[in-house]
Amino acid sequence: MALDENDLSRITDRLKIVVHEMMQEHMDKVHAVQEAASQKLIEDLENKFSEMEKMVGFWKGAMWAFGGVFTIVLALLELAKR
């Protein structure tokens, strides 16, 4: 069975379509994986940021408490001098 130019052209056109569809499916999968990875990264960063905010709040409160105690101690020392 010999193939003429029209047969070869149809086969080539069909191969182009099949390859394009396969590439599109692959790119869709790649995009889905990238999207999932990006979403996971965003969630992880949000969690870390939340933890950091809590720690900053804790240390900020500790600094205020230390400042208050320090001020009271200084005031008591000043009163003790008199």
PDB file of N, CA and C in Angstrom:
ATOM      1  N   MET A   1       0.853  -1.175   0.000  1.00  0.00           N
ATOM      2  CA  MET A   1       0.000   0.000   0.000  1.00  0.00           C
ATOM      3  C   MET A   1       0.893   1.229   0.000  1.00  0.00           C
ATOM      4  N   ALA A   2       0.789   1.993  -1.016  1.00  0.00           N
ATOM      5  CA  ALA A   2       1.600   3.205  -1.160  1.00  0.00           C
ATOM      6  C   ALA A   2       0.778   4.402  -0.691  1.00  0.00           C
ATOM      7  N   LEU A   3       1.470   5.291  -0.033  1.00  0.00           N
ATOM      8  CA  LEU A   3       0.805   6.507   0.443  1.00  0.00           C
ATOM      9  C   LEU A   3       1.122   7.639  -0.518  1.00  0.00           C
ATOM     10  N   ASP A   4       0.092   8.357  -0.902  1.00  0.00           N
ATOM     11  CA  ASP A   4       0.355   9.514  -1.761  1.00  0.00           C
ATOM     12  C   ASP A   4       0.512  10.760  -0.900  1.00  0.00           C
ATOM     13  N   GLU A   5       0.705  11.879  -1.542  1.00  0.00           N
ATOM     14  CA  GLU A   5       0.966  13.126  -0.820  1.00  0.00           C
ATOM     15  C   GLU A   5      -0.215  13.547   0.044  1.00  0.00           C
ATOM     16  N   ASN A   6      -1.418  13.319  -0.411  1.00  0.00           N
ATOM     17  CA  ASN A   6      -2.611  13.670   0.374  1.00  0.00           C
ATOM     18  C   ASN A   6      -2.684  12.839   1.650  1.00  0.00           C
ATOM     19  N   ASP A   7      -2.377  11.556   1.545  1.00  0.00           N
ATOM     20  CA  ASP A   7      -2.382  10.694   2.729  1.00  0.00           C
ATOM     21  C   ASP A   7      -1.350  11.176   3.744  1.00  0.00           C
ATOM     22  N   LEU A   8      -0.156  11.469   3.240  1.00  0.00           N
ATOM     23  CA  LEU A   8       0.910  11.951   4.127  1.00  0.00           C
ATOM     24  C   LEU A   8       0.531  13.284   4.768  1.00  0.00           C
ATOM     25  N   SER A   9      -0.111  14.130   4.016  1.00  0.00           N
ATOM     26  CA  SER A   9      -0.531  15.433   4.540  1.00  0.00           C
ATOM     27  C   SER A   9      -1.574  15.258   5.640  1.00  0.00           C
ATOM     28  N   ARG A  10      -2.551  14.372   5.425  1.00  0.00           N
ATOM     29  CA  ARG A  10      -3.575  14.114   6.447  1.00  0.00           C
ATOM     30  C   ARG A  10      -2.952  13.508   7.703  1.00  0.00           C
ATOM     31  N   ILE A  11      -2.028  12.563   7.496  1.00  0.00           N
ATOM     32  CA  ILE A  11      -1.358  11.943   8.645  1.00  0.00           C
ATOM     33  C   ILE A  11      -0.565  12.990   9.419  1.00  0.00           C
ATOM     34  N   THR A  12       0.152  13.827   8.701  1.00  0.00           N
ATOM     35  CA  THR A  12       0.944  14.886   9.341  1.00  0.00           C
ATOM     36  C   THR A  12       0.047  15.850  10.100  1.00  0.00           C
ATOM     37  N   ASP A  13      -1.057  16.252   9.480  1.00  0.00           N
ATOM     38  CA  ASP A  13      -1.989  17.165  10.150  1.00  0.00           C
ATOM     39  C   ASP A  13      -2.567  16.523  11.412  1.00  0.00           C
ATOM     40  N   ARG A  14      -2.932  15.254  11.316  1.00  0.00           N
ATOM     41  CA  ARG A  14      -3.496  14.552  12.480  1.00  0.00           C
ATOM     42  C   ARG A  14      -2.455  14.423  13.591  1.00  0.00           C
ATOM     43  N   LEU A  15      -1.207  14.125  13.211  1.00  0.00           N
ATOM     44  CA  LEU A  15      -0.132  14.035  14.203  1.00  0.00           C
ATOM     45  C   LEU A  15       0.082  15.374  14.907  1.00  0.00           C
ATOM     46  N   LYS A  16       0.022  16.452  14.142  1.00  0.00           N
ATOM     47  CA  LYS A  16       0.173  17.784  14.740  1.00  0.00           C
ATOM     48  C   LYS A  16      -0.925  18.029  15.772  1.00  0.00           C
ATOM     49  N   ILE A  17      -2.148  17.650  15.432  1.00  0.00           N
ATOM     50  CA  ILE A  17      -3.275  17.843  16.350  1.00  0.00           C
ATOM     51  C   ILE A  17      -3.093  16.999  17.604  1.00  0.00           C
ATOM     52  N   VAL A  18      -2.712  15.728  17.426  1.00  0.00           N
ATOM     53  CA  VAL A  18      -2.535  14.829  18.569  1.00  0.00           C
ATOM     54  C   VAL A  18      -1.414  15.332  19.473  1.00  0.00           C
ATOM     55  N   VAL A  19      -0.297  15.732  18.876  1.00  0.00           N
ATOM     56  CA  VAL A  19       0.830  16.242  19.670  1.00  0.00           C
ATOM     57  C   VAL A  19       0.418  17.515  20.406  1.00  0.00           C
ATOM     58  N   HIS A  20      -0.308  18.393  19.733  1.00  0.00           N
ATOM     59  CA  HIS A  20      -0.759  19.630  20.375  1.00  0.00           C
ATOM     60  C   HIS A  20      -1.682  19.324  21.556  1.00  0.00           C
ATOM     61  N   GLU A  21      -2.600  18.373  21.382  1.00  0.00           N
ATOM     62  CA  GLU A  21      -3.501  17.988  22.473  1.00  0.00           C
ATOM     63  C   GLU A  21      -2.728  17.395  23.647  1.00  0.00           C
ATOM     64  N   MET A  22      -1.734  16.555  23.335  1.00  0.00           N
ATOM     65  CA  MET A  22      -0.929  15.956  24.399  1.00  0.00           C
ATOM     66  C   MET A  22      -0.141  17.031  25.154  1.00  0.00           C
ATOM     67  N   MET A  23       0.419  17.971  24.410  1.00  0.00           N
ATOM     68  CA  MET A  23       1.162  19.057  25.054  1.00  0.00           C
ATOM     69  C   MET A  23       0.235  19.899  25.920  1.00  0.00           C
ATOM     70  N   GLN A  24      -0.975  20.153  25.435  1.00  0.00           N
ATOM     71  CA  GLN A  24      -1.934  20.945  26.194  1.00  0.00           C
ATOM     72  C   GLN A  24      -2.331  20.225  27.480  1.00  0.00           C
ATOM     73  N   GLU A  25      -2.561  18.916  27.404  1.00  0.00           N
ATOM     74  CA  GLU A  25      -2.885  18.140  28.605  1.00  0.00           C
ATOM     75  C   GLU A  25      -1.738  18.197  29.607  1.00  0.00           C
ATOM     76  N   HIS A  26      -0.522  18.053  29.097  1.00  0.00           N
ATOM     77  CA  HIS A  26       0.656  18.110  29.975  1.00  0.00           C
ATOM     78  C   HIS A  26       0.763  19.484  30.634  1.00  0.00           C
ATOM     79  N   MET A  27       0.571  20.540  29.855  1.00  0.00           N
ATOM     80  CA  MET A  27       0.668  21.893  30.406  1.00  0.00           C
ATOM     81  C   MET A  27      -0.440  22.147  31.430  1.00  0.00           C
ATOM     82  N   ASP A  28      -1.623  21.596  31.193  1.00  0.00           N
ATOM     83  CA  ASP A  28      -2.707  21.726  32.166  1.00  0.00           C
ATOM     84  C   ASP A  28      -2.332  21.062  33.488  1.00  0.00           C
ATOM     85  N   LYS A  29      -1.714  19.868  33.393  1.00  0.00           N
ATOM     86  CA  LYS A  29      -1.277  19.174  34.606  1.00  0.00           C
ATOM     87  C   LYS A  29      -0.184  19.959  35.323  1.00  0.00           C
ATOM     88  N   VAL A  30       0.771  20.475  34.553  1.00  0.00           N
ATOM     89  CA  VAL A  30       1.854  21.273  35.143  1.00  0.00           C
ATOM     90  C   VAL A  30       1.276  22.497  35.839  1.00  0.00           C
ATOM     91  N   HIS A  31       0.333  23.159  35.186  1.00  0.00           N
ATOM     92  CA  HIS A  31      -0.288  24.348  35.773  1.00  0.00           C
ATOM     93  C   HIS A  31      -1.022  23.997  37.067  1.00  0.00           C
ATOM     94  N   ALA A  32      -1.718  22.873  37.074  1.00  0.00           N
ATOM     95  CA  ALA A  32      -2.444  22.454  38.280  1.00  0.00           C
ATOM     96  C   ALA A  32      -1.478  22.177  39.428  1.00  0.00           C
ATOM     97  N   VAL A  33      -0.359  21.522  39.127  1.00  0.00           N
ATOM     98  CA  VAL A  33       0.641  21.239  40.164  1.00  0.00           C
ATOM     99  C   VAL A  33       1.253  22.537  40.673  1.00  0.00           C
ATOM    100  N   GLN A  34       1.573  23.448  39.765  1.00  0.00           N
ATOM    101  CA  GLN A  34       2.133  24.739  40.171  1.00  0.00           C
ATOM    102  C   GLN A  34       1.147  25.513  41.037  1.00  0.00           C
ATOM    103  N   GLU A  35      -0.109  25.496  40.667  1.00  0.00           N
ATOM    104  CA  GLU A  35      -1.138  26.201  41.432  1.00  0.00           C
ATOM    105  C   GLU A  35      -1.263  25.615  42.836  1.00  0.00           C
ATOM    106  N   ALA A  36      -1.263  24.288  42.927  1.00  0.00           N
ATOM    107  CA  ALA A  36      -1.362  23.631  44.234  1.00  0.00           C
ATOM    108  C   ALA A  36      -0.139  23.953  45.091  1.00  0.00           C
ATOM    109  N   ALA A  37       1.037  23.933  44.476  1.00  0.00           N
ATOM    110  CA  ALA A  37       2.266  24.245  45.217  1.00  0.00           C
ATOM    111  C   ALA A  37       2.257  25.696  45.681  1.00  0.00           C
ATOM    112  N   SER A  38       1.797  26.593  44.830  1.00  0.00           N
ATOM    113  CA  SER A  38       1.719  28.004  45.206  1.00  0.00           C
ATOM    114  C   SER A  38       0.753  28.201  46.365  1.00  0.00           C
ATOM    115  N   GLN A  39      -0.389  27.548  46.296  1.00  0.00           N
ATOM    116  CA  GLN A  39      -1.383  27.671  47.362  1.00  0.00           C
ATOM    117  C   GLN A  39      -0.831  27.139  48.678  1.00  0.00           C
ATOM    118  N   LYS A  40      -0.128  26.007  48.624  1.00  0.00           N
ATOM    119  CA  LYS A  40       0.473  25.420  49.825  1.00  0.00           C
ATOM    120  C   LYS A  40       1.527  26.364  50.400  1.00  0.00           C
ATOM    121  N   LEU A  41       2.336  26.956  49.534  1.00  0.00           N
ATOM    122  CA  LEU A  41       3.364  27.896  49.982  1.00  0.00           C
ATOM    123  C   LEU A  41       2.728  29.114  50.641  1.00  0.00           C
ATOM    124  N   ILE A  42       1.661  29.631  50.049  1.00  0.00           N
ATOM    125  CA  ILE A  42       0.966  30.785  50.623  1.00  0.00           C
ATOM    126  C   ILE A  42       0.409  30.434  51.999  1.00  0.00           C
ATOM    127  N   GLU A  43      -0.208  29.263  52.119  1.00  0.00           N
ATOM    128  CA  GLU A  43      -0.758  28.842  53.414  1.00  0.00           C
ATOM    129  C   GLU A  43       0.346  28.695  54.457  1.00  0.00           C
ATOM    130  N   ASP A  44       1.478  28.099  54.058  1.00  0.00           N
ATOM    131  CA  ASP A  44       2.599  27.941  54.988  1.00  0.00           C
ATOM    132  C   ASP A  44       3.131  29.294  55.443  1.00  0.00           C
ATOM    133  N   LEU A  45       3.260  30.228  54.498  1.00  0.00           N
ATOM    134  CA  LEU A  45       3.755  31.561  54.851  1.00  0.00           C
ATOM    135  C   LEU A  45       2.776  32.292  55.764  1.00  0.00           C
ATOM    136  N   GLU A  46       1.484  32.155  55.492  1.00  0.00           N
ATOM    137  CA  GLU A  46       0.485  32.784  56.357  1.00  0.00           C
ATOM    138  C   GLU A  46       0.553  32.213  57.770  1.00  0.00           C
ATOM    139  N   ASN A  47       0.745  30.894  57.884  1.00  0.00           N
ATOM    140  CA  ASN A  47       0.865  30.268  59.205  1.00  0.00           C
ATOM    141  C   ASN A  47       2.103  30.766  59.935  1.00  0.00           C
ATOM    142  N   LYS A  48       3.227  30.842  59.232  1.00  0.00           N
ATOM    143  CA  LYS A  48       4.466  31.326  59.855  1.00  0.00           C
ATOM    144  C   LYS A  48       4.305  32.782  60.287  1.00  0.00           C
ATOM    145  N   PHE A  49       3.668  33.595  59.440  1.00  0.00           N
ATOM    146  CA  PHE A  49       3.462  34.999  59.771  1.00  0.00           C
ATOM    147  C   PHE A  49       2.582  35.128  61.010  1.00  0.00           C
ATOM    148  N   SER A  50       1.553  34.293  61.104  1.00  0.00           N
ATOM    149  CA  SER A  50       0.672  34.309  62.267  1.00  0.00           C
ATOM    150  C   SER A  50       1.446  33.945  63.530  1.00  0.00           C
ATOM    151  N   GLU A  51       2.305  32.922  63.422  1.00  0.00           N
ATOM    152  CA  GLU A  51       3.130  32.540  64.571  1.00  0.00           C
ATOM    153  C   GLU A  51       4.061  33.682  64.976  1.00  0.00           C
ATOM    154  N   MET A  52       4.639  34.347  63.984  1.00  0.00           N
ATOM    155  CA  MET A  52       5.543  35.466  64.280  1.00  0.00           C
ATOM    156  C   MET A  52       4.787  36.609  64.945  1.00  0.00           C
ATOM    157  N   GLU A  53       3.569  36.886  64.475  1.00  0.00           N
ATOM    158  CA  GLU A  53       2.767  37.940  65.100  1.00  0.00           C
ATOM    159  C   GLU A  53       2.491  37.621  66.564  1.00  0.00           C
ATOM    160  N   LYS A  54       2.198  36.351  66.851  1.00  0.00           N
ATOM    161  CA  LYS A  54       1.949  35.945  68.237  1.00  0.00           C
ATOM    162  C   LYS A  54       3.197  36.143  69.086  1.00  0.00           C
ATOM    163  N   MET A  55       4.350  35.763  68.551  1.00  0.00           N
ATOM    164  CA  MET A  55       5.601  35.913  69.300  1.00  0.00           C
ATOM    165  C   MET A  55       5.920  37.387  69.528  1.00  0.00           C
ATOM    166  N   VAL A  56       5.710  38.203  68.506  1.00  0.00           N
ATOM    167  CA  VAL A  56       5.956  39.641  68.654  1.00  0.00           C
ATOM    168  C   VAL A  56       5.028  40.210  69.714  1.00  0.00           C
ATOM    169  N   GLY A  57       3.771  39.798  69.694  1.00  0.00           N
ATOM    170  CA  GLY A  57       2.819  40.254  70.709  1.00  0.00           C
ATOM    171  C   GLY A  57       3.247  39.840  72.100  1.00  0.00           C
ATOM    172  N   PHE A  58       3.720  38.601  72.233  1.00  0.00           N
ATOM    173  CA  PHE A  58       4.194  38.121  73.530  1.00  0.00           C
ATOM    174  C   PHE A  58       5.372  38.963  74.018  1.00  0.00           C
ATOM    175  N   TRP A  59       6.372  39.153  73.159  1.00  0.00           N
ATOM    176  CA  TRP A  59       7.561  39.905  73.577  1.00  0.00           C
ATOM    177  C   TRP A  59       7.243  41.379  73.804  1.00  0.00           C
ATOM    178  N   LYS A  60       6.305  41.907  73.036  1.00  0.00           N
ATOM    179  CA  LYS A  60       5.887  43.295  73.249  1.00  0.00           C
ATOM    180  C   LYS A  60       5.250  43.430  74.631  1.00  0.00           C
ATOM    181  N   GLY A  61       4.381  42.479  74.981  1.00  0.00           N
ATOM    182  CA  GLY A  61       3.768  42.478  76.310  1.00  0.00           C
ATOM    183  C   GLY A  61       4.803  42.302  77.400  1.00  0.00           C
ATOM    184  N   ALA A  62       5.769  41.418  77.162  1.00  0.00           N
ATOM    185  CA  ALA A  62       6.828  41.199  78.152  1.00  0.00           C
ATOM    186  C   ALA A  62       7.652  42.467  78.351  1.00  0.00           C
ATOM    187  N   MET A  63       7.933  43.165  77.270  1.00  0.00           N
ATOM    188  CA  MET A  63       8.711  44.415  77.378  1.00  0.00           C
ATOM    189  C   MET A  63       7.926  45.471  78.159  1.00  0.00           C
ATOM    190  N   TRP A  64       6.619  45.580  77.889  1.00  0.00           N
ATOM    191  CA  TRP A  64       5.797  46.530  78.630  1.00  0.00           C
ATOM    192  C   TRP A  64       5.769  46.162  80.116  1.00  0.00           C
ATOM    193  N   ALA A  65       5.631  44.880  80.406  1.00  0.00           N
ATOM    194  CA  ALA A  65       5.610  44.435  81.807  1.00  0.00           C
ATOM    195  C   ALA A  65       6.941  44.739  82.477  1.00  0.00           C
ATOM    196  N   PHE A  66       8.045  44.446  81.790  1.00  0.00           N
ATOM    197  CA  PHE A  66       9.363  44.732  82.346  1.00  0.00           C
ATOM    198  C   PHE A  66       9.524  46.231  82.580  1.00  0.00           C
ATOM    199  N   GLY A  67       9.063  47.025  81.617  1.00  0.00           N
ATOM    200  CA  GLY A  67       9.144  48.482  81.765  1.00  0.00           C
ATOM    201  C   GLY A  67       8.331  48.962  82.953  1.00  0.00           C
ATOM    202  N   GLY A  68       7.147  48.390  83.144  1.00  0.00           N
ATOM    203  CA  GLY A  68       6.314  48.769  84.288  1.00  0.00           C
ATOM    204  C   GLY A  68       6.957  48.389  85.604  1.00  0.00           C
ATOM    205  N   VAL A  69       7.483  47.175  85.684  1.00  0.00           N
ATOM    206  CA  VAL A  69       8.155  46.728  86.909  1.00  0.00           C
ATOM    207  C   VAL A  69       9.385  47.587  87.166  1.00  0.00           C
ATOM    208  N   PHE A  70      10.149  47.865  86.131  1.00  0.00           N
ATOM    209  CA  PHE A  70      11.355  48.684  86.269  1.00  0.00           C
ATOM    210  C   PHE A  70      11.003  50.081  86.784  1.00  0.00           C
ATOM    211  N   THR A  71       9.930  50.653  86.246  1.00  0.00           N
ATOM    212  CA  THR A  71       9.494  51.979  86.687  1.00  0.00           C
ATOM    213  C   THR A  71       9.069  51.950  88.153  1.00  0.00           C
ATOM    214  N   ILE A  72       8.335  50.916  88.543  1.00  0.00           N
ATOM    215  CA  ILE A  72       7.902  50.794  89.945  1.00  0.00           C
ATOM    216  C   ILE A  72       9.108  50.643  90.862  1.00  0.00           C
ATOM    217  N   VAL A  73      10.075  49.821  90.471  1.00  0.00           N
ATOM    218  CA  VAL A  73      11.285  49.629  91.284  1.00  0.00           C
ATOM    219  C   VAL A  73      12.040  50.942  91.416  1.00  0.00           C
ATOM    220  N   LEU A  74      12.173  51.683  90.334  1.00  0.00           N
ATOM    221  CA  LEU A  74      12.860  52.981  90.405  1.00  0.00           C
ATOM    222  C   LEU A  74      12.113  53.947  91.321  1.00  0.00           C
ATOM    223  N   ALA A  75      10.779  53.942  91.223  1.00  0.00           N
ATOM    224  CA  ALA A  75       9.989  54.818  92.090  1.00  0.00           C
ATOM    225  C   ALA A  75      10.159  54.420  93.551  1.00  0.00           C
ATOM    226  N   LEU A  76      10.162  53.114  93.845  1.00  0.00           N
ATOM    227  CA  LEU A  76      10.364  52.651  95.224  1.00  0.00           C
ATOM    228  C   LEU A  76      11.757  53.007  95.730  1.00  0.00           C
ATOM    229  N   LEU A  77      12.758  52.881  94.884  1.00  0.00           N
ATOM    230  CA  LEU A  77      14.121  53.266  95.280  1.00  0.00           C
ATOM    231  C   LEU A  77      14.200  54.763  95.564  1.00  0.00           C
ATOM    232  N   GLU A  78      13.511  55.539  94.754  1.00  0.00           N
ATOM    233  CA  GLU A  78      13.494  56.992  94.959  1.00  0.00           C
ATOM    234  C   GLU A  78      12.814  57.328  96.284  1.00  0.00           C
ATOM    235  N   LEU A  79      11.710  56.620  96.577  1.00  0.00           N
ATOM    236  CA  LEU A  79      11.028  56.849  97.849  1.00  0.00           C
ATOM    237  C   LEU A  79      11.890  56.389  99.028  1.00  0.00           C
ATOM    238  N   ALA A  80      12.637  55.319  98.830  1.00  0.00           N
ATOM    239  CA  ALA A  80      13.483  54.806  99.908  1.00  0.00           C
ATOM    240  C   ALA A  80      14.619  55.772 100.230  1.00  0.00           C
ATOM    241  N   LYS A  81      15.067  56.540  99.260  1.00  0.00           N
ATOM    242  CA  LYS A  81      16.145  57.508  99.489  1.00  0.00           C
ATOM    243  C   LYS A  81      15.672  58.620 100.416  1.00  0.00           C
ATOM    244  N   ARG A  82      14.428  58.980 100.337  1.00  0.00           N
ATOM    245  CA  ARG A  82      13.913  60.119 101.101  1.00  0.00           C
ATOM    246  C   ARG A  82      13.706  59.749 102.491  1.00  0.00           C
TER     247      ARG A  82
END
